[in-house]
């Protein structure tokens, strides 16, 4: 572990977060943290149940005199995005997160921190074990496998939770109350190539695109950050068409919901073109660094020797692949006309992986308008179909339609104004929250999402602001205290 966090306030929340960090919990491997949640329930003699997917709900009776309040469920997910810098040695299946305090921030050493959604989970656990907090009938729902497609929420069955109000603890901006989110869908393209031995009079080279910020493909998509796969595709398009370079492998990105930070390609370069290709890559590096200077100061595009013995892709498939990667959209497609600053529709070119004779490309589309989500997904799929790829699309997940007349929104707005002498920001988010799916399962449940300030989620730059965690905690307790009667 990194530095101890128990000296931070509120101590109970940070102690639980530290315990979460000790236990590896990437998506689909959350068992150790799930066991920890159950141990907290048992220690505090609280009832709990686990569904067939592994989601956990823990129940806590109302404090004396609060039995007539509307029932509340606190909700968050147990998994984290497992991202690290390429030069960092870390096994997310075995190693604890090295969390440490740096001024007003908690960070991790070279990896994602997991404050998304470890802080929310820690807050729920702190409420469950607290003896001096006023609240009505209470549940805490801990879902699994959120980051790969909200699968835990999708597995929920009616009746598993019993509450009137859901407080989702998975937002990342202090002072904001979220009342809506985007829906999402994945489009996956598979290219199958005919491998051939290395062409005569060629040498193997590796091209590397590194140093990008990456980030959350919903929250950061409007920031103009570089996409390593797009940067690589633009370069490969020139190298193949102008210098006769042959493609061997290409790999980049690692998560469907993260903007790819790195991309690595092995190519075969004609021996008589090695020097000119090296010069071209160097010039290209200068070009893209200049284009992205204000947002990507650490971007590097370099070419190096390679010992790869892998066979080459056939020219036709390689051209189709690179053309599709170069031509397919990435980034913001449309901004909302109704909510200022809200991205309405976007698409993320997320992952590319060479597996044997196949190259698999994963993209993700988001929109708060269902018809637009369908439209951009169809556009992305069409580009890959035209490039002769086998294209499959996921069923996706629904968005959460904003309700400005939500009773819990009124409650929290009043609580916030009284506590902080100003209004909170009322927002929707261009990311997938579990609220949309849970609302589909429990249509009469009133919902809101809030949290502390988290920056760099889904990247090794992830950090959570300590002062806002205290404020988030205070707001949570005030909300629970002021929930109206049934």
Protein backbone atom coordinates (compact mmCIF):
# COMPACT_ATOMS: atom_id res chain seq x y z
CA UNK A 1 0.00 0.00 0.00
CA UNK A 2 0.93 3.63 -0.29
CA UNK A 3 0.67 6.14 2.53
CA UNK A 4 -1.98 5.49 5.16
CA UNK A 5 -5.20 7.39 4.52
CA UNK A 6 -6.90 6.97 7.91
CA UNK A 7 -5.74 10.40 9.07
CA UNK A 8 -7.97 12.00 6.44
CA UNK A 9 -11.51 13.11 7.23
CA UNK A 10 -14.02 11.58 7.40
CA UNK A 11 -11.89 8.81 8.89
CA UNK A 12 -14.48 6.02 8.60
CA UNK A 13 -14.91 6.60 4.85
CA UNK A 14 -11.17 6.76 4.17
CA UNK A 15 -10.52 3.64 6.25
CA UNK A 16 -13.00 1.71 4.15
CA UNK A 17 -11.52 3.12 0.95
CA UNK A 18 -8.09 1.97 2.08
CA UNK A 19 -9.45 -1.51 2.70
CA UNK A 20 -10.95 -1.52 -0.79
CA UNK A 21 -7.59 -0.46 -2.27
CA UNK A 22 -5.89 -3.40 -0.52
CA UNK A 23 -8.09 -5.88 -2.39
CA UNK A 24 -7.69 -6.27 -6.16
CA UNK A 25 -11.02 -5.52 -7.83
CA UNK A 26 -10.83 -5.03 -11.60
CA UNK A 27 -14.05 -5.67 -13.48
CA UNK A 28 -15.25 -9.28 -13.26
CA UNK A 29 -12.77 -9.98 -10.45
CA UNK A 30 -14.40 -8.15 -7.53
CA UNK A 31 -14.77 -11.17 -5.25
CA UNK A 32 -12.35 -9.99 -2.56
CA UNK A 33 -14.08 -6.63 -2.20
CA UNK A 34 -17.50 -8.33 -2.28
CA UNK A 35 -16.34 -10.52 0.60
CA UNK A 36 -15.22 -7.40 2.44
CA UNK A 37 -18.69 -5.82 2.04
CA UNK A 38 -20.28 -8.97 3.46
CA UNK A 39 -17.81 -8.99 6.36
CA UNK A 40 -18.84 -5.43 7.25
CA UNK A 41 -22.50 -6.48 7.18
CA UNK A 42 -21.83 -9.48 9.41
CA UNK A 43 -19.69 -7.47 11.84
CA UNK A 44 -22.51 -4.96 12.26
CA UNK A 45 -25.22 -7.64 12.41
CA UNK A 46 -26.95 -6.32 9.30
CA UNK A 47 -29.05 -8.41 6.94
CA UNK A 48 -27.69 -8.93 3.45
CA UNK A 49 -28.45 -10.91 0.34
CA UNK A 50 -26.60 -11.75 -2.88
CA UNK A 51 -28.27 -12.29 -6.24
CA UNK A 52 -27.29 -14.81 -8.89
CA UNK A 53 -24.90 -12.30 -10.54
CA UNK A 54 -23.12 -11.45 -7.29
CA UNK A 55 -24.70 -8.06 -6.60
CA UNK A 56 -25.06 -7.41 -2.87
CA UNK A 57 -27.71 -5.50 -0.94
CA UNK A 58 -27.26 -4.76 2.77
CA UNK A 59 -30.20 -3.55 4.88
CA UNK A 60 -30.07 -1.29 7.93
CA UNK A 61 -33.10 -0.42 10.08
CA UNK A 62 -34.12 3.19 10.53
CA UNK A 63 -32.74 5.08 13.50
CA UNK A 64 -35.25 5.60 16.32
CA UNK A 65 -37.95 8.07 15.37
CA UNK A 66 -37.17 7.90 11.62
CA UNK A 67 -39.11 4.75 10.79
CA UNK A 68 -41.77 6.65 8.83
CA UNK A 69 -39.34 8.20 6.32
CA UNK A 70 -39.24 7.05 2.72
CA UNK A 71 -36.85 4.14 2.26
CA UNK A 72 -33.50 4.96 0.64
CA UNK A 73 -30.99 2.78 -1.17
CA UNK A 74 -27.37 3.94 -1.48
CA UNK A 75 -25.87 2.57 -4.68
CA UNK A 76 -22.46 2.17 -6.26
CA UNK A 77 -20.33 -0.41 -8.05
CA UNK A 78 -17.47 -2.52 -6.72
CA UNK A 79 -15.28 -2.83 -9.80
CA UNK A 80 -12.64 -0.42 -11.06
CA UNK A 81 -11.01 0.28 -14.41
CA UNK A 82 -7.56 -1.35 -14.47
CA UNK A 83 -5.24 1.01 -16.34
CA UNK A 84 -1.53 1.59 -15.82
CA UNK A 85 1.34 3.27 -17.55
CA UNK A 86 3.32 0.84 -19.73
CA UNK A 87 6.48 1.30 -17.65
CA UNK A 88 4.72 0.45 -14.36
CA UNK A 89 4.87 -3.09 -12.99
CA UNK A 90 1.47 -3.83 -11.49
CA UNK A 91 -0.72 -6.94 -11.57
CA UNK A 92 -4.31 -5.79 -11.06
CA UNK A 93 -5.34 -9.36 -10.25
CA UNK A 94 -2.95 -9.59 -7.29
CA UNK A 95 -1.44 -6.26 -6.30
CA UNK A 96 -3.03 -3.63 -4.05
CA UNK A 97 -3.50 -0.11 -5.34
CA UNK A 98 -0.71 2.14 -4.09
CA UNK A 99 -2.85 5.04 -2.88
CA UNK A 100 -1.31 8.11 -1.28
CA UNK A 101 -2.23 11.64 -0.26
CA UNK A 102 -0.64 14.55 -2.12
CA UNK A 103 -1.84 17.88 -0.79
CA UNK A 104 -5.61 18.02 -1.28
CA UNK A 105 -5.65 14.95 -3.53
CA UNK A 106 -5.42 11.19 -3.19
CA UNK A 107 -3.65 9.55 -6.12
CA UNK A 108 -2.19 6.16 -7.07
CA UNK A 109 1.35 5.27 -8.10
CA UNK A 110 1.23 4.75 -11.87
CA UNK A 111 -2.22 3.14 -11.99
CA UNK A 112 -5.86 4.02 -11.82
CA UNK A 113 -6.89 4.77 -8.24
CA UNK A 114 -10.34 3.24 -8.18
CA UNK A 115 -11.95 6.25 -6.50
CA UNK A 116 -14.45 5.56 -9.28
CA UNK A 117 -16.39 4.04 -7.53
CA UNK A 118 -14.42 3.09 -4.42
CA UNK A 119 -15.25 6.38 -2.69
CA UNK A 120 -18.96 5.80 -3.20
CA UNK A 121 -18.66 2.24 -1.90
CA UNK A 122 -16.63 3.39 1.09
CA UNK A 123 -19.24 6.04 1.89
CA UNK A 124 -22.03 3.45 1.83
CA UNK A 125 -20.04 1.13 4.12
CA UNK A 126 -19.33 4.00 6.52
CA UNK A 127 -23.05 4.78 6.72
CA UNK A 128 -23.89 1.12 7.31
CA UNK A 129 -21.54 0.80 10.27
CA UNK A 130 -22.21 4.25 11.79
CA UNK A 131 -24.08 4.36 15.11
CA UNK A 132 -24.76 8.10 15.25
CA UNK A 133 -26.31 8.93 11.86
CA UNK A 134 -29.99 9.78 11.47
CA UNK A 135 -31.75 8.00 8.62
CA UNK A 136 -34.92 6.20 7.69
CA UNK A 137 -35.11 2.61 6.40
CA UNK A 138 -31.88 2.09 4.50
CA UNK A 139 -30.32 -0.27 1.99
CA UNK A 140 -26.94 -0.24 0.26
CA UNK A 141 -26.68 -1.84 -3.18
CA UNK A 142 -23.23 -2.85 -4.40
CA UNK A 143 -23.22 -3.89 -8.05
CA UNK A 144 -20.56 -5.78 -9.99
CA UNK A 145 -19.05 -5.38 -13.45
CA UNK A 146 -20.19 -1.81 -14.08
CA UNK A 147 -17.17 -0.59 -16.02
CA UNK A 148 -17.35 -3.14 -18.83
CA UNK A 149 -21.01 -2.52 -19.66
CA UNK A 150 -23.10 -2.04 -16.50
CA UNK A 151 -23.70 -5.78 -16.42
CA UNK A 152 -24.37 -6.00 -12.68
CA UNK A 153 -27.18 -3.47 -12.94
CA UNK A 154 -28.53 -5.24 -16.01
CA UNK A 155 -28.76 -8.47 -13.98
CA UNK A 156 -30.93 -6.89 -11.26
CA UNK A 157 -34.34 -8.42 -10.81
CA UNK A 158 -37.44 -6.59 -9.53
CA UNK A 159 -37.80 -7.01 -5.79
CA UNK A 160 -34.10 -7.34 -5.01
CA UNK A 161 -34.11 -3.84 -3.52
CA UNK A 162 -37.02 -2.21 -1.75
CA UNK A 163 -36.74 1.56 -1.62
CA UNK A 164 -38.54 4.71 -2.70
CA UNK A 165 -35.39 6.72 -3.41
CA UNK A 166 -32.01 5.78 -4.91
CA UNK A 167 -28.91 7.84 -4.14
CA UNK A 168 -26.30 6.88 -6.71
CA UNK A 169 -22.82 7.69 -5.33
CA UNK A 170 -20.97 7.47 -8.64
CA UNK A 171 -20.68 11.05 -9.92
CA UNK A 172 -17.42 12.97 -10.06
CA UNK A 173 -18.07 16.68 -9.60
CA UNK A 174 -18.43 18.51 -6.31
CA UNK A 175 -21.43 20.84 -6.19
CA UNK A 176 -23.34 19.05 -8.93
CA UNK A 177 -26.49 16.96 -8.70
CA UNK A 178 -26.99 14.68 -11.69
CA UNK A 179 -30.48 13.83 -12.89
CA UNK A 180 -29.77 12.17 -16.24
CA UNK A 181 -27.16 10.21 -18.18
CA UNK A 182 -26.34 8.88 -21.63
CA UNK A 183 -27.12 5.44 -22.93
CA UNK A 184 -24.41 3.45 -24.66
CA UNK A 185 -23.64 0.72 -27.17
CA UNK A 186 -20.53 -1.03 -28.45
CA UNK A 187 -19.65 -1.69 -32.10
CA UNK A 188 -17.01 -4.39 -32.62
CA UNK A 189 -15.33 -5.09 -35.95
CA UNK A 190 -13.25 -8.19 -36.73
CA UNK A 191 -10.85 -8.26 -39.67
CA UNK A 192 -9.47 -11.62 -40.79
CA UNK A 193 -6.22 -11.57 -42.76
CA UNK A 194 -4.08 -14.05 -44.67
CA UNK A 195 -0.63 -14.13 -43.03
CA UNK A 196 2.49 -14.37 -45.13
CA UNK A 197 6.20 -14.60 -44.46
CA UNK A 198 8.27 -11.47 -44.25
CA UNK A 199 8.87 -9.86 -47.60
CA UNK A 200 12.40 -10.05 -48.93
CA UNK A 201 14.60 -7.02 -48.38
CA UNK A 202 12.47 -5.70 -45.51
CA UNK A 203 13.22 -5.16 -41.83
CA UNK A 204 10.90 -5.23 -38.84
CA UNK A 205 10.25 -1.95 -37.06
CA UNK A 206 7.98 -1.02 -34.16
CA UNK A 207 6.10 2.27 -34.12
CA UNK A 208 4.98 3.55 -30.75
CA UNK A 209 2.43 6.23 -29.88
CA UNK A 210 2.70 6.95 -26.15
CA UNK A 211 2.35 9.64 -23.51
CA UNK A 212 -1.29 10.58 -24.06
CA UNK A 213 -3.65 11.48 -21.23
CA UNK A 214 -6.44 9.10 -22.19
CA UNK A 215 -9.35 9.43 -19.81
CA UNK A 216 -13.02 8.56 -19.59
CA UNK A 217 -14.62 8.24 -23.01
CA UNK A 218 -17.74 10.02 -21.77
CA UNK A 219 -16.49 12.61 -19.32
CA UNK A 220 -13.37 13.61 -21.28
CA UNK A 221 -14.53 13.13 -24.87
CA UNK A 222 -15.08 16.89 -25.36
CA UNK A 223 -11.61 17.84 -24.06
CA UNK A 224 -9.88 17.40 -27.43
CA UNK A 225 -7.43 14.81 -26.12
CA UNK A 226 -5.47 12.69 -28.55
CA UNK A 227 -6.55 9.17 -29.47
CA UNK A 228 -3.49 6.92 -29.87
CA UNK A 229 -5.22 4.63 -32.37
CA UNK A 230 -6.32 7.54 -34.56
CA UNK A 231 -2.84 9.03 -34.43
CA UNK A 232 -1.37 5.67 -35.44
CA UNK A 233 -3.91 5.14 -38.24
CA UNK A 234 -3.12 8.50 -39.80
CA UNK A 235 0.58 7.62 -39.82
CA UNK A 236 0.06 4.11 -41.18
CA UNK A 237 -2.11 5.44 -43.99
CA UNK A 238 0.85 7.50 -45.23
CA UNK A 239 3.48 4.82 -44.62
CA UNK A 240 1.56 2.13 -46.50
CA UNK A 241 0.56 4.32 -49.44
CA UNK A 242 3.78 6.30 -49.85
CA UNK A 243 6.57 3.98 -48.74
CA UNK A 244 5.32 0.43 -49.35
CA UNK A 245 5.39 -0.43 -45.64
CA UNK A 246 3.69 -3.73 -44.74
CA UNK A 247 1.57 -4.16 -41.63
CA UNK A 248 2.30 -6.98 -39.18
CA UNK A 249 0.45 -6.27 -35.91
CA UNK A 250 -1.31 -3.34 -34.33
CA UNK A 251 -2.40 -3.10 -30.70
CA UNK A 252 -3.71 -0.14 -28.75
CA UNK A 253 -6.09 0.87 -25.98
CA UNK A 254 -7.40 -1.53 -23.37
CA UNK A 255 -10.94 -0.55 -22.31
CA UNK A 256 -14.07 0.22 -24.31
CA UNK A 257 -14.84 3.19 -22.07
CA UNK A 258 -11.38 4.77 -22.04
CA UNK A 259 -9.77 7.00 -24.66
CA UNK A 260 -6.69 5.01 -25.80
CA UNK A 261 -3.43 6.42 -24.43
CA UNK A 262 -1.01 4.15 -26.29
CA UNK A 263 -0.76 2.23 -29.55
CA UNK A 264 1.97 -0.10 -30.81
CA UNK A 265 2.44 -1.35 -34.37
CA UNK A 266 4.94 -3.72 -35.93
CA UNK A 267 5.61 -3.13 -39.62
CA UNK A 268 8.00 -4.39 -42.30
CA UNK A 269 9.90 -1.57 -44.00
CA UNK A 270 11.76 -1.96 -47.31
CA UNK A 271 15.48 -1.78 -46.53
CA UNK A 272 15.99 1.02 -49.01
CA UNK A 273 13.25 3.06 -47.28
CA UNK A 274 14.36 2.70 -43.64
CA UNK A 275 16.02 6.11 -43.44
CA UNK A 276 13.23 7.97 -45.21
CA UNK A 277 10.57 6.24 -43.08
CA UNK A 278 12.45 7.17 -39.90
CA UNK A 279 12.61 10.77 -41.07
CA UNK A 280 8.92 10.75 -41.94
CA UNK A 281 7.95 9.41 -38.50
CA UNK A 282 10.12 12.05 -36.84
CA UNK A 283 8.42 14.76 -38.90
CA UNK A 284 5.00 13.32 -38.15
CA UNK A 285 5.83 13.34 -34.44
CA UNK A 286 6.58 17.05 -34.68
CA UNK A 287 3.31 17.64 -36.54
CA UNK A 288 0.97 15.90 -34.11
CA UNK A 289 2.82 17.27 -31.08
CA UNK A 290 2.28 20.76 -32.48
CA UNK A 291 -1.39 20.07 -33.19
CA UNK A 292 -2.02 18.77 -29.66
CA UNK A 293 0.55 20.84 -27.76
CA UNK A 294 -1.91 22.44 -25.35
CA UNK A 295 -3.63 19.20 -24.34
CA UNK A 296 -1.02 16.45 -24.89
CA UNK A 297 2.41 17.77 -23.82
CA UNK A 298 3.87 14.26 -23.37
CA UNK A 299 2.82 12.76 -26.71
CA UNK A 300 5.57 10.85 -28.50
CA UNK A 301 5.56 9.01 -31.83
CA UNK A 302 8.76 7.02 -32.39
CA UNK A 303 10.06 4.18 -34.54
CA UNK A 304 12.43 1.55 -33.20
CA UNK A 305 13.95 -1.78 -34.22
CA UNK A 306 11.83 -4.88 -33.66
CA UNK A 307 12.68 -8.54 -33.22
CA UNK A 308 9.17 -9.63 -34.13
CA UNK A 309 8.96 -12.80 -36.22
CA UNK A 310 5.21 -12.44 -36.75
CA UNK A 311 3.92 -12.85 -40.29
CA UNK A 312 2.64 -9.94 -42.35
CA UNK A 313 -1.00 -9.16 -43.03
CA UNK A 314 -2.07 -9.41 -46.65
CA UNK A 315 -2.08 -6.05 -48.41
CA UNK A 316 -5.82 -5.89 -49.03
CA UNK A 317 -6.87 -6.55 -45.44
CA UNK A 318 -4.18 -4.23 -44.08
CA UNK A 319 -5.38 -1.45 -46.38
CA UNK A 320 -9.03 -2.04 -45.44
CA UNK A 321 -8.15 -1.97 -41.74
CA UNK A 322 -6.06 1.19 -41.89
CA UNK A 323 -8.57 2.95 -44.15
CA UNK A 324 -11.38 2.15 -41.70
CA UNK A 325 -9.38 3.29 -38.67
CA UNK A 326 -8.41 6.49 -40.45
CA UNK A 327 -11.92 7.19 -41.71
CA UNK A 328 -14.10 6.21 -38.74
CA UNK A 329 -15.32 9.01 -36.50
CA UNK A 330 -13.98 9.59 -33.00
CA UNK A 331 -15.09 12.27 -30.55
CA UNK A 332 -18.08 14.53 -30.10
CA UNK A 333 -20.78 14.11 -32.73
CA UNK A 334 -23.35 16.54 -31.29
CA UNK A 335 -23.72 18.89 -28.33
CA UNK A 336 -27.04 19.20 -26.51
CA UNK A 337 -29.21 22.13 -27.54
CA UNK A 338 -31.11 21.93 -24.24
CA UNK A 339 -28.38 21.63 -21.58
CA UNK A 340 -25.43 23.97 -22.04
CA UNK A 341 -22.07 22.22 -22.21
CA UNK A 342 -23.54 18.71 -22.33
CA UNK A 343 -22.27 16.34 -25.00
CA UNK A 344 -25.35 14.71 -26.47
CA UNK A 345 -23.77 12.13 -28.80
CA UNK A 346 -20.22 10.80 -29.19
CA UNK A 347 -18.19 7.82 -30.33
CA UNK A 348 -14.89 6.43 -29.07
CA UNK A 349 -12.40 4.39 -31.11
CA UNK A 350 -11.33 2.45 -28.05
CA UNK A 351 -9.31 -0.73 -28.56
CA UNK A 352 -7.49 -2.60 -31.32
CA UNK A 353 -5.92 -6.01 -30.80
CA UNK A 354 -4.18 -8.44 -33.15
CA UNK A 355 -5.08 -12.03 -32.25
CA UNK A 356 -3.65 -14.72 -34.53
CA UNK A 357 -5.16 -14.11 -37.95
CA UNK A 358 -7.67 -11.55 -36.67
CA UNK A 359 -7.60 -7.89 -35.76
CA UNK A 360 -10.46 -6.89 -33.44
CA UNK A 361 -11.49 -3.25 -33.14
CA UNK A 362 -13.77 -2.13 -30.30
CA UNK A 363 -15.64 1.17 -30.41
CA UNK A 364 -18.29 2.63 -28.09
CA UNK A 365 -21.10 5.04 -28.84
CA UNK A 366 -23.00 7.19 -26.33
CA UNK A 367 -26.03 9.45 -26.51
CA UNK A 368 -28.73 10.82 -24.24
CA UNK A 369 -31.09 10.53 -27.24
CA UNK A 370 -31.85 6.90 -28.08
CA UNK A 371 -32.40 7.54 -31.80
CA UNK A 372 -29.05 9.35 -32.07
CA UNK A 373 -27.29 6.49 -30.32
CA UNK A 374 -28.75 4.12 -32.89
CA UNK A 375 -27.75 6.46 -35.71
CA UNK A 376 -24.09 6.94 -34.77
CA UNK A 377 -23.73 3.22 -34.05
CA UNK A 378 -25.05 2.46 -37.54
CA UNK A 379 -22.62 4.96 -39.08
CA UNK A 380 -19.62 3.46 -37.29
CA UNK A 381 -20.72 -0.06 -38.18
CA UNK A 382 -21.15 0.90 -41.84
CA UNK A 383 -17.56 2.19 -42.12
CA UNK A 384 -16.23 -1.16 -40.92
CA UNK A 385 -18.64 -3.15 -43.08
CA UNK A 386 -17.46 -1.23 -46.13
CA UNK A 387 -13.94 -2.27 -45.14
CA UNK A 388 -15.03 -5.95 -45.29
CA UNK A 389 -15.00 -6.48 -41.51
CA UNK A 390 -17.37 -8.72 -39.59
CA UNK A 391 -19.35 -6.26 -37.45
CA UNK A 392 -21.33 -6.99 -34.28
CA UNK A 393 -23.10 -4.56 -32.01
CA UNK A 394 -24.08 -4.98 -28.38
CA UNK A 395 -27.62 -4.52 -27.11
CA UNK A 396 -26.36 -1.50 -25.18
CA UNK A 397 -27.97 0.11 -22.17
CA UNK A 398 -30.58 2.84 -21.77
CA UNK A 399 -30.05 6.43 -20.79
CA UNK A 400 -31.66 8.07 -17.78
CA UNK A 401 -34.11 10.79 -18.75
CA UNK A 402 -33.80 13.92 -16.60
CA UNK A 403 -36.73 14.79 -14.32
CA UNK A 404 -36.51 18.38 -13.08
CA UNK A 405 -39.57 17.75 -10.90
CA UNK A 406 -37.93 14.89 -8.99
CA UNK A 407 -38.85 15.05 -5.25
CA UNK A 408 -35.38 13.95 -4.13
CA UNK A 409 -33.89 16.68 -6.33
CA UNK A 410 -36.03 19.20 -4.47
CA UNK A 411 -34.93 17.76 -1.12
CA UNK A 412 -31.23 17.81 -1.97
CA UNK A 413 -31.40 21.27 -3.55
CA UNK A 414 -32.95 22.67 -0.38
CA UNK A 415 -30.44 20.85 1.84
CA UNK A 416 -27.55 22.10 -0.28
CA UNK A 417 -28.76 25.73 -0.32
CA UNK A 418 -29.21 25.74 3.45
CA UNK A 419 -25.80 24.18 4.11
CA UNK A 420 -23.68 26.06 1.54
CA UNK A 421 -25.69 29.26 0.91
CA UNK A 422 -25.83 28.65 -2.82
CA UNK A 423 -27.62 26.45 -5.32
CA UNK A 424 -26.08 23.21 -6.57
CA UNK A 425 -25.60 22.75 -10.31
CA UNK A 426 -28.27 20.52 -11.82
CA UNK A 427 -26.74 18.44 -14.60
CA UNK A 428 -26.92 15.43 -16.85
CA UNK A 429 -23.79 13.45 -17.61
CA UNK A 430 -22.41 12.08 -20.89
CA UNK A 431 -21.54 8.76 -19.34
CA UNK A 432 -23.37 5.59 -18.46
CA UNK A 433 -24.70 5.57 -14.93
CA UNK A 434 -26.48 2.55 -13.56
CA UNK A 435 -29.49 4.77 -12.82
CA UNK A 436 -30.83 4.32 -16.35
CA UNK A 437 -30.91 0.55 -16.04
CA UNK A 438 -32.17 0.53 -12.47
CA UNK A 439 -34.92 2.98 -13.46
CA UNK A 440 -35.95 0.51 -16.16
CA UNK A 441 -36.22 -2.23 -13.50
CA UNK A 442 -37.81 0.04 -10.88
CA UNK A 443 -39.74 2.71 -12.82
CA UNK A 444 -41.34 4.31 -9.74
CA UNK A 445 -38.06 4.87 -7.91
CA UNK A 446 -36.92 8.49 -7.52
CA UNK A 447 -33.19 8.90 -8.28
CA UNK A 448 -30.28 11.30 -8.07
CA UNK A 449 -26.50 10.96 -8.45
CA UNK A 450 -23.74 12.93 -6.72
CA UNK A 451 -20.15 12.56 -5.57
CA UNK A 452 -16.86 14.31 -4.83
CA UNK A 453 -14.50 15.77 -7.43
CA UNK A 454 -12.62 13.03 -9.27
CA UNK A 455 -10.28 13.89 -12.13
CA UNK A 456 -8.65 11.59 -14.69
CA UNK A 457 -11.01 8.67 -14.10
CA UNK A 458 -10.13 5.55 -16.12
CA UNK A 459 -6.50 6.69 -16.47
CA UNK A 460 -3.36 6.47 -14.31
CA UNK A 461 -3.81 10.20 -13.65
CA UNK A 462 -6.97 9.52 -11.65
CA UNK A 463 -7.21 11.48 -8.41
CA UNK A 464 -9.90 12.42 -5.90
CA UNK A 465 -10.02 15.74 -4.06
CA UNK A 466 -9.91 15.21 -0.30
CA UNK A 467 -11.79 18.37 0.68
CA UNK A 468 -14.70 17.48 -1.60
CA UNK A 469 -14.93 13.98 -0.11
CA UNK A 470 -15.69 15.59 3.24
CA UNK A 471 -18.32 17.79 1.58
CA UNK A 472 -19.79 14.78 -0.24
CA UNK A 473 -20.03 12.93 3.07
CA UNK A 474 -21.67 15.86 4.84
CA UNK A 475 -24.21 16.26 2.02
CA UNK A 476 -25.01 12.55 2.13
CA UNK A 477 -25.72 12.65 5.87
CA UNK A 478 -27.81 15.82 5.60
CA UNK A 479 -29.82 14.26 2.78
CA UNK A 480 -30.52 11.10 4.74
CA UNK A 481 -31.61 13.18 7.72
CA UNK A 482 -34.01 15.25 5.61
CA UNK A 483 -35.68 12.55 3.54
CA UNK A 484 -39.44 13.21 3.69
CA UNK A 485 -41.97 10.92 5.30
CA UNK A 486 -43.89 8.40 3.25
